[in-house]
Amino acid sequence: MANLYDYLEWRGDLPFEDAPFNEVDNLVLSELSYGDFDEVLDESGEALTIPELRDVYFSLHSRKEVAERKTFTGPVPLLLDPLAESRRFQDTRICWFRNHISNELDVQMAAVTFFLPDNRVYVCFRGSDGSIVGWKENLEFSYMNQTTGQREAAEYMNHLKGGVYPIMVGGHSKGGNFAVYAAAYCDPEIRDMITDVYNNDGPGFTKAITEGEEYGKIRDRIHTFIPESSLVGVLMNSGVEMRIIKSDEKGVAQHDALSWQVMRDHFIESDSRTSESLVFDEAVRSWLSELDDQDRHLFIENVFDVFEETGYETVDDMNANWYKSYPQIIKSLRELPKERQMEITRILLQLAQHYGQAYMNSLSHKEASQDVQKWAREWALKNGKRAIEKRLRDKSGRR
C-alpha cells in the first residue's frame, strides 16, 4: 500500500500553486519534525531550505547510520532526500527549531516552523521522543488542564506575532495535542490568522479544556486523524469528529504515521476502528472515571519515580536493557513504602478489571463478531470431530 514516500514520488513535482496544501502534506511535515536536527537548526530566525538542511545534516550523519536506527522515528531524516528533490518542497524554509527537555519540569517540547513556497506558514510540534519524561507528560494530560509543555507550545506560537501570512498548526502524537492547545491559547492576534489545525493521532484533553471558550474558538478548524487501531489518539476528549485512517501495520504499530495509507492527495479512510482500539478506549475511559485527579497524579508520580530509578532516560533504552532495568523496577517497587505499593496495586487492579469488562462487552460488538465467530467455528469443528470419533469408538465397542 502507498505511504508518505509514495506520495512524495507521485506528487512531488506539483508545486503548491497547482495543488494546494493538503492533509498528507501536513503529515509529511509532522514526521519531519522528529528529526534530530539539534546540531543544524536553532531557535533563531535564520532559516535553511530543505536541500540546505539535507546537505548539512548528512555531512554529520551517514544515511546507513540513520537507516539502521531501531526506533520508528529514528530514520525520519531520510525523508530529507525526497523532500529536497521534489519541486513541491525544495524551496520550503525551516527555522525557529526548539527542543526543550527537562526532567525537573516534566517537559519535553520540540517545535519547528516551516515557511512554504506559497507564502503560508506551518508550525509543527513534535510528538513524544521516547524519553521517559515525555511519556510522563502524556499521562499528565489526564488530570492537568495545562502542562508545562502545553504552555511552552502556546508561547512558541507567539514568535509569529506581527506576521502577515496564513498559519497552519499541526503535529503527530503528543505534538498533535500541543498543536491544538497552542492554537487555542496563543495570542488572539495569531489565533485569528490560523486557518487549519492538524491533530495526527494525538491525545485529547480534560473536559475543562474542550468545553472552554478558547477551544470553542478553534474547534471548527481542527482536523483529527487516527488509525484504525488507535490507542493514543482516543485518549481523553477531543470534542471533534475523528477520521479513521487505514494502516499497513497492526495494533499499536499503527501509531507510526509512515504506515498510514494514502491515495493521491488524501488518506485512505476506514469505516470503523478495530475491536482492540474500542476495548482499550472503553477500558481506559471507565477506569479514569473512577479515579479523581489526586489518584491519577499520585499513580503517575509513583510509577515514573520507579522508572527513573533505572537510570535510563528513554523507554527504548530501558527496554533494550531489560535484563538490568526490569529487576531494578521490581527492586524499586519493593522499596516503596507499603502504602505506596498498595496504591499502585489497587489502581492497576482497577485497570485490569475495567479492561476485562470492556473485553466482555466487546463480544457483542459488531467489530468483534467476526473474531468471535471464527473462534466459535474452530471450537465447534475441534469438539465436533472429537464427538464423532467418540461415537465411532462406542459403536465399534458395541459390535
Protein backbone atom coordinates (compact mmCIF):
# COMPACT_ATOMS: atom_id res chain seq x y z
CA MET A 1 0.00 0.00 0.00
CA ALA A 2 1.11 3.58 -0.61
CA ASN A 3 2.63 5.68 2.19
CA LEU A 4 4.31 9.09 2.55
CA TYR A 5 7.31 8.11 0.43
CA ASP A 6 5.00 7.04 -2.39
CA TYR A 7 3.11 10.31 -2.04
CA LEU A 8 6.32 12.31 -2.48
CA GLU A 9 7.19 10.26 -5.55
CA TRP A 10 3.73 10.75 -7.09
CA ARG A 11 3.04 14.36 -6.13
CA GLY A 12 6.47 15.83 -5.53
CA ASP A 13 6.55 17.51 -8.92
CA LEU A 14 3.37 19.51 -8.19
CA PRO A 15 4.01 22.95 -6.65
CA PHE A 16 1.57 24.31 -4.08
CA GLU A 17 0.32 26.84 -6.64
CA ASP A 18 -1.06 23.95 -8.72
CA ALA A 19 -2.08 21.60 -5.89
CA PRO A 20 -2.83 23.37 -2.57
CA PHE A 21 -1.54 22.16 0.80
CA ASN A 22 -3.43 19.04 1.91
CA GLU A 23 -3.75 16.61 4.81
CA VAL A 24 -0.92 14.40 3.56
CA ASP A 25 1.45 17.39 3.33
CA ASN A 26 0.58 18.01 6.97
CA LEU A 27 1.67 14.51 7.92
CA VAL A 28 4.90 14.74 5.90
CA LEU A 29 6.00 17.83 7.84
CA SER A 30 4.79 16.38 11.15
CA GLU A 31 7.04 13.38 10.56
CA LEU A 32 9.99 15.58 9.61
CA SER A 33 9.72 17.37 12.97
CA TYR A 34 11.00 14.17 14.64
CA GLY A 35 14.42 14.70 13.03
CA ASP A 36 17.40 15.10 15.37
CA PHE A 37 18.38 18.48 13.95
CA ASP A 38 19.85 19.99 17.13
CA GLU A 39 23.31 20.25 15.55
CA VAL A 40 21.96 22.01 12.47
CA LEU A 41 19.00 24.20 13.45
CA ASP A 42 18.46 26.56 16.38
CA GLU A 43 15.88 28.94 17.82
CA SER A 44 16.98 31.91 15.77
CA GLY A 45 15.04 33.13 12.77
CA GLU A 46 17.91 32.12 10.49
CA ALA A 47 16.34 29.72 8.01
CA LEU A 48 17.63 26.84 5.91
CA THR A 49 15.92 25.45 2.84
CA ILE A 50 15.24 21.72 2.90
CA PRO A 51 18.12 20.97 0.46
CA GLU A 52 20.46 23.01 2.69
CA LEU A 53 19.27 21.17 5.79
CA ARG A 54 19.72 17.84 3.99
CA ASP A 55 23.28 18.62 2.92
CA VAL A 56 24.42 19.83 6.35
CA TYR A 57 22.69 17.01 8.22
CA PHE A 58 24.16 14.23 6.07
CA SER A 59 27.61 15.76 6.35
CA LEU A 60 27.30 14.86 10.06
CA HIS A 61 25.42 11.54 9.79
CA SER A 62 25.64 8.77 7.23
CA ARG A 63 22.47 7.51 5.62
CA LYS A 64 23.40 3.98 6.65
CA GLU A 65 23.59 5.03 10.29
CA VAL A 66 20.20 6.74 10.10
CA ALA A 67 18.55 3.80 8.29
CA GLU A 68 19.73 1.35 10.97
CA ARG A 69 18.16 3.21 13.87
CA LYS A 70 15.72 0.99 15.74
CA THR A 71 13.03 3.46 16.86
CA PHE A 72 10.16 4.30 14.50
CA THR A 73 11.17 7.98 14.44
CA GLY A 74 14.93 7.39 14.14
CA PRO A 75 15.03 7.02 10.32
CA VAL A 76 12.87 10.14 9.78
CA PRO A 77 15.77 12.28 8.41
CA LEU A 78 15.75 10.01 5.34
CA LEU A 79 12.66 11.99 4.30
CA LEU A 80 15.01 14.88 3.54
CA ASP A 81 16.16 13.27 0.29
CA PRO A 82 12.77 13.00 -1.47
CA LEU A 83 11.71 16.36 0.01
CA ALA A 84 14.85 18.14 -1.21
CA GLU A 85 14.48 16.63 -4.68
CA SER A 86 10.80 17.50 -5.00
CA ARG A 87 9.61 20.62 -6.74
CA ARG A 88 6.85 20.83 -4.11
CA PHE A 89 9.03 21.17 -1.00
CA GLN A 90 12.55 22.11 -2.10
CA ASP A 91 12.01 25.84 -1.55
CA THR A 92 10.46 25.39 1.89
CA ARG A 93 12.42 27.24 4.58
CA ILE A 94 12.86 25.95 8.13
CA CYS A 95 13.66 27.94 11.26
CA TRP A 96 12.90 28.53 14.97
CA PHE A 97 13.79 24.98 15.95
CA ARG A 98 13.30 24.41 19.67
CA ASN A 99 13.94 21.19 21.59
CA HIS A 100 13.42 21.57 25.33
CA ILE A 101 13.64 18.56 27.65
CA SER A 102 13.65 18.96 31.43
CA ASN A 103 13.21 16.18 33.98
CA GLU A 104 12.82 18.76 36.72
CA LEU A 105 9.90 20.48 34.96
CA ASP A 106 8.42 17.27 33.48
CA VAL A 107 8.56 18.71 29.98
CA GLN A 108 9.56 17.55 26.51
CA MET A 109 8.55 20.16 23.94
CA ALA A 110 10.05 20.40 20.47
CA ALA A 111 8.79 22.54 17.60
CA VAL A 112 9.84 23.91 14.23
CA THR A 113 8.38 26.42 11.78
CA PHE A 114 8.11 25.83 8.02
CA PHE A 115 7.70 28.72 5.57
CA LEU A 116 6.13 27.19 2.47
CA PRO A 117 6.70 28.41 -1.10
CA ASP A 118 3.06 29.55 -1.34
CA ASN A 119 3.62 32.08 1.49
CA ARG A 120 1.85 30.03 4.11
CA VAL A 121 3.33 29.04 7.47
CA TYR A 122 3.13 25.57 9.03
CA VAL A 123 4.04 25.42 12.74
CA CYS A 124 4.78 21.85 13.75
CA PHE A 125 5.10 20.30 17.22
CA ARG A 126 6.99 17.07 17.74
CA GLY A 127 5.40 14.10 19.48
CA SER A 128 6.92 12.06 22.27
CA ASP A 129 10.57 11.39 21.52
CA GLY A 130 10.80 8.21 23.59
CA SER A 131 12.09 9.99 26.69
CA ILE A 132 10.57 8.86 29.96
CA VAL A 133 9.74 12.46 30.86
CA GLY A 134 7.96 12.83 27.52
CA TRP A 135 5.70 9.84 28.21
CA LYS A 136 5.07 11.05 31.73
CA GLU A 137 3.71 14.30 30.31
CA ASN A 138 1.39 12.30 28.03
CA LEU A 139 -0.26 10.79 31.09
CA GLU A 140 -0.42 14.13 32.88
CA PHE A 141 -2.97 15.22 30.28
CA SER A 142 -5.47 13.02 32.14
CA TYR A 143 -5.66 15.31 35.17
CA MET A 144 -3.96 18.62 34.27
CA ASN A 145 -5.68 21.39 32.34
CA GLN A 146 -2.25 22.74 31.37
CA THR A 147 1.14 21.04 31.39
CA THR A 148 4.44 22.86 31.15
CA GLY A 149 4.86 21.57 27.61
CA GLN A 150 1.45 22.87 26.54
CA ARG A 151 2.20 26.29 28.00
CA GLU A 152 5.54 26.39 26.18
CA ALA A 153 3.81 25.36 22.94
CA ALA A 154 1.40 28.29 23.20
CA GLU A 155 4.30 30.65 23.97
CA TYR A 156 6.23 29.27 20.98
CA MET A 157 3.38 30.31 18.67
CA ASN A 158 3.76 33.91 19.79
CA HIS A 159 7.03 34.33 17.87
CA LEU A 160 4.80 34.71 14.78
CA LYS A 161 3.19 37.86 16.14
CA GLY A 162 3.30 40.68 13.63
CA GLY A 163 3.37 38.30 10.65
CA VAL A 164 1.13 38.61 7.65
CA TYR A 165 0.92 35.04 6.32
CA PRO A 166 -1.85 32.48 6.94
CA ILE A 167 -0.82 29.99 9.62
CA MET A 168 -1.41 26.24 9.89
CA VAL A 169 -0.53 24.26 13.03
CA GLY A 170 -0.04 20.53 13.41
CA GLY A 171 1.77 17.59 14.91
CA HIS A 172 1.76 13.85 15.44
CA SER A 173 1.04 12.07 18.74
CA LYS A 174 1.67 14.44 21.65
CA GLY A 175 2.62 17.02 19.03
CA GLY A 176 -0.99 16.94 17.84
CA ASN A 177 -2.17 17.71 21.36
CA PHE A 178 0.33 20.58 21.60
CA ALA A 179 -0.80 21.92 18.22
CA VAL A 180 -4.45 22.10 19.28
CA TYR A 181 -3.63 23.59 22.67
CA ALA A 182 -1.22 26.15 21.20
CA ALA A 183 -3.78 27.23 18.60
CA ALA A 184 -6.41 27.73 21.29
CA TYR A 185 -4.25 29.53 23.85
CA CYS A 186 -1.78 31.56 21.80
CA ASP A 187 -2.11 35.33 21.41
CA PRO A 188 -5.58 36.15 19.92
CA GLU A 189 -3.90 38.08 17.09
CA ILE A 190 -2.13 34.89 16.00
CA ARG A 191 -5.16 32.67 16.62
CA ASP A 192 -7.14 34.79 14.16
CA MET A 193 -4.51 34.05 11.47
CA ILE A 194 -4.76 30.27 11.90
CA THR A 195 -6.64 28.54 9.08
CA ASP A 196 -6.19 24.86 9.99
CA VAL A 197 -5.10 22.76 12.99
CA TYR A 198 -4.00 19.14 12.36
CA ASN A 199 -4.00 16.55 15.14
CA ASN A 200 -2.48 13.30 13.87
CA ASP A 201 -3.32 10.59 16.43
CA GLY A 202 -2.66 12.88 19.37
CA PRO A 203 -4.33 12.51 22.79
CA GLY A 204 -7.16 14.78 23.83
CA PHE A 205 -7.83 16.99 26.83
CA THR A 206 -9.83 17.30 30.01
CA LYS A 207 -13.44 18.42 29.61
CA ALA A 208 -12.50 21.75 31.16
CA ILE A 209 -10.43 22.42 28.02
CA THR A 210 -12.76 21.04 25.32
CA GLU A 211 -15.75 22.82 26.82
CA GLY A 212 -13.85 26.08 27.33
CA GLU A 213 -14.19 29.34 25.41
CA GLU A 214 -10.71 29.26 23.86
CA TYR A 215 -11.14 25.74 22.49
CA GLY A 216 -14.53 26.69 21.09
CA LYS A 217 -12.94 29.44 19.01
CA ILE A 218 -10.79 26.99 17.04
CA ARG A 219 -12.97 23.86 17.13
CA ASP A 220 -14.19 24.17 13.54
CA ARG A 221 -10.60 24.47 12.28
CA ILE A 222 -9.38 21.21 13.87
CA HIS A 223 -8.75 18.15 11.65
CA THR A 224 -8.23 14.97 13.68
CA PHE A 225 -6.92 11.72 12.19
CA ILE A 226 -6.49 8.37 13.95
CA PRO A 227 -5.55 4.92 12.59
CA GLU A 228 -7.98 2.00 12.88
CA SER A 229 -6.20 0.57 15.94
CA SER A 230 -5.53 3.89 17.63
CA LEU A 231 -4.53 3.65 21.28
CA VAL A 232 -3.12 7.18 21.65
CA GLY A 233 -5.49 9.42 19.72
CA VAL A 234 -8.52 8.03 21.57
CA LEU A 235 -7.20 9.02 25.00
CA MET A 236 -9.18 11.74 26.78
CA ASN A 237 -11.60 14.08 24.96
CA SER A 238 -11.22 15.83 21.61
CA GLY A 239 -14.67 17.31 21.11
CA VAL A 240 -14.37 16.95 17.31
CA GLU A 241 -15.04 14.27 14.72
CA MET A 242 -12.17 11.82 14.19
CA ARG A 243 -11.39 10.49 10.73
CA ILE A 244 -10.22 6.87 10.78
CA ILE A 245 -7.25 6.05 8.53
CA LYS A 246 -6.13 2.68 7.16
CA SER A 247 -2.64 1.50 8.03
CA ASP A 248 -0.21 -1.15 6.76
CA GLU A 249 0.61 -2.13 10.36
CA LYS A 250 -1.31 -3.90 13.10
CA GLY A 251 -2.14 -2.91 16.65
CA VAL A 252 -0.07 -0.27 18.42
CA ALA A 253 2.37 -0.17 15.46
CA GLN A 254 -0.29 1.79 13.56
CA HIS A 255 0.73 4.83 15.60
CA ASP A 256 3.72 5.05 13.24
CA ALA A 257 2.39 7.55 10.70
CA LEU A 258 4.69 6.21 7.98
CA SER A 259 2.34 3.22 7.90
CA TRP A 260 -0.77 5.30 7.08
CA GLN A 261 -2.20 4.64 3.63
CA VAL A 262 -2.56 7.46 1.13
CA MET A 263 -4.09 7.88 -2.31
CA ARG A 264 -3.17 10.95 -4.36
CA ASP A 265 -3.72 13.95 -2.04
CA HIS A 266 -5.66 12.29 0.80
CA PHE A 267 -5.62 9.45 3.31
CA ILE A 268 -7.48 6.20 2.69
CA GLU A 269 -10.24 6.06 5.26
CA SER A 270 -11.78 3.13 7.13
CA ASP A 271 -15.41 2.75 8.17
CA SER A 272 -14.61 1.82 11.77
CA ARG A 273 -11.97 1.26 14.40
CA THR A 274 -10.76 -2.20 15.36
CA SER A 275 -12.16 -4.07 18.35
CA GLU A 276 -8.74 -3.71 20.00
CA SER A 277 -8.98 0.09 19.87
CA LEU A 278 -12.60 0.11 21.04
CA VAL A 279 -11.87 -2.16 24.01
CA PHE A 280 -8.86 -0.08 25.04
CA ASP A 281 -10.88 3.13 24.74
CA GLU A 282 -13.78 1.83 26.82
CA ALA A 283 -11.47 0.33 29.48
CA VAL A 284 -9.37 3.46 29.96
CA ARG A 285 -12.35 5.83 29.97
CA SER A 286 -14.22 3.80 32.59
CA TRP A 287 -11.01 3.36 34.62
CA LEU A 288 -10.24 7.08 34.62
CA SER A 289 -13.83 7.91 35.56
CA GLU A 290 -13.28 6.06 38.86
CA LEU A 291 -10.09 7.98 39.68
CA ASP A 292 -10.08 11.54 40.91
CA ASP A 293 -7.29 13.95 39.93
CA GLN A 294 -5.37 13.20 43.12
CA ASP A 295 -5.43 9.44 42.43
CA ARG A 296 -4.20 9.99 38.87
CA HIS A 297 -1.46 12.36 40.00
CA LEU A 298 -0.14 10.05 42.74
CA PHE A 299 -0.26 6.98 40.50
CA ILE A 300 1.71 8.66 37.69
CA GLU A 301 4.26 10.12 40.12
CA ASN A 302 4.79 6.75 41.81
CA VAL A 303 5.17 4.81 38.57
CA PHE A 304 7.58 7.26 36.96
CA ASP A 305 9.63 7.61 40.15
CA VAL A 306 10.21 3.87 39.80
CA PHE A 307 11.11 4.17 36.10
CA GLU A 308 13.59 6.96 36.82
CA GLU A 309 15.34 4.71 39.36
CA THR A 310 16.54 2.55 36.45
CA GLY A 311 18.89 5.35 35.39
CA TYR A 312 17.68 5.23 31.77
CA GLU A 313 16.31 8.37 30.11
CA THR A 314 14.29 6.75 27.31
CA VAL A 315 11.78 3.92 27.11
CA ASP A 316 13.80 2.36 24.26
CA ASP A 317 16.96 2.23 26.38
CA MET A 318 15.01 0.76 29.27
CA ASN A 319 13.55 -1.97 27.04
CA ALA A 320 16.86 -2.64 25.26
CA ASN A 321 18.49 -3.22 28.65
CA TRP A 322 15.54 -5.08 30.16
CA TYR A 323 17.82 -7.57 31.96
CA LYS A 324 19.05 -4.62 34.05
CA SER A 325 16.07 -2.26 34.07
CA TYR A 326 13.28 -4.75 34.89
CA PRO A 327 14.98 -6.15 38.03
CA GLN A 328 15.65 -2.56 39.08
CA ILE A 329 11.95 -1.71 38.60
CA ILE A 330 10.93 -4.67 40.79
CA LYS A 331 13.52 -3.71 43.40
CA SER A 332 12.35 -0.08 43.43
CA LEU A 333 8.72 -1.14 43.78
CA ARG A 334 9.56 -3.33 46.76
CA GLU A 335 11.46 -0.48 48.40
CA LEU A 336 8.48 1.86 48.22
CA PRO A 337 6.56 2.45 51.44
CA LYS A 338 3.80 -0.13 51.88
CA GLU A 339 1.03 2.41 51.37
CA ARG A 340 2.50 3.48 48.02
CA GLN A 341 2.85 -0.13 46.90
CA MET A 342 -0.78 -0.78 47.84
CA GLU A 343 -1.91 2.37 46.00
CA ILE A 344 -0.18 1.32 42.75
CA THR A 345 -1.53 -2.24 43.08
CA ARG A 346 -5.08 -1.01 43.75
CA ILE A 347 -5.16 1.23 40.69
CA LEU A 348 -3.60 -1.37 38.40
CA LEU A 349 -6.14 -3.95 39.56
CA GLN A 350 -8.91 -1.48 38.76
CA LEU A 351 -7.50 -1.06 35.25
CA ALA A 352 -7.35 -4.85 34.79
CA GLN A 353 -10.96 -5.20 35.93
CA HIS A 354 -12.16 -2.48 33.56
CA TYR A 355 -10.18 -4.00 30.69
CA GLY A 356 -11.73 -7.40 31.35
CA GLN A 357 -15.21 -5.92 31.46
CA ALA A 358 -14.61 -3.93 28.26
CA TYR A 359 -13.41 -7.10 26.53
CA MET A 360 -16.52 -9.00 27.60
CA ASN A 361 -18.68 -6.12 26.38
CA SER A 362 -16.88 -6.21 23.04
CA LEU A 363 -18.08 -9.74 22.37
CA SER A 364 -21.46 -8.29 21.48
CA HIS A 365 -19.98 -5.54 19.30
CA LYS A 366 -20.21 -5.92 15.55
CA GLU A 367 -16.49 -5.13 15.27
CA ALA A 368 -15.62 -8.18 17.38
CA SER A 369 -18.21 -10.58 15.98
CA GLN A 370 -16.07 -11.93 13.15
CA ASP A 371 -13.24 -12.86 15.54
CA VAL A 372 -15.71 -14.49 17.91
CA GLN A 373 -17.42 -16.38 15.08
CA LYS A 374 -14.06 -17.62 13.83
CA TRP A 375 -13.17 -18.85 17.31
CA ALA A 376 -16.61 -20.48 17.65
CA ARG A 377 -16.26 -22.28 14.30
CA GLU A 378 -12.82 -23.59 15.23
CA TRP A 379 -14.09 -24.73 18.62
CA ALA A 380 -17.11 -26.45 17.05
CA LEU A 381 -15.01 -28.23 14.44
CA LYS A 382 -12.49 -29.37 17.02
CA ASN A 383 -15.05 -30.61 19.52
CA GLY A 384 -17.35 -31.92 16.81
CA LYS A 385 -14.52 -34.06 15.49
CA ARG A 386 -13.89 -35.41 18.98
CA ALA A 387 -17.59 -36.23 19.39
CA ILE A 388 -17.70 -38.12 16.08
CA GLU A 389 -14.55 -40.10 16.95
CA LYS A 390 -16.04 -40.98 20.34
CA ARG A 391 -19.27 -42.22 18.73
CA LEU A 392 -17.31 -44.35 16.28
CA ARG A 393 -15.31 -45.85 19.14
CA ASP A 394 -18.52 -46.53 21.07
CA LYS A 395 -20.17 -48.22 18.06
CA SER A 396 -17.07 -50.28 17.41
CA GLY A 397 -17.05 -51.41 21.03
CA ARG A 398 -20.71 -52.44 20.91
CA ARG A 399 -20.01 -54.64 17.92
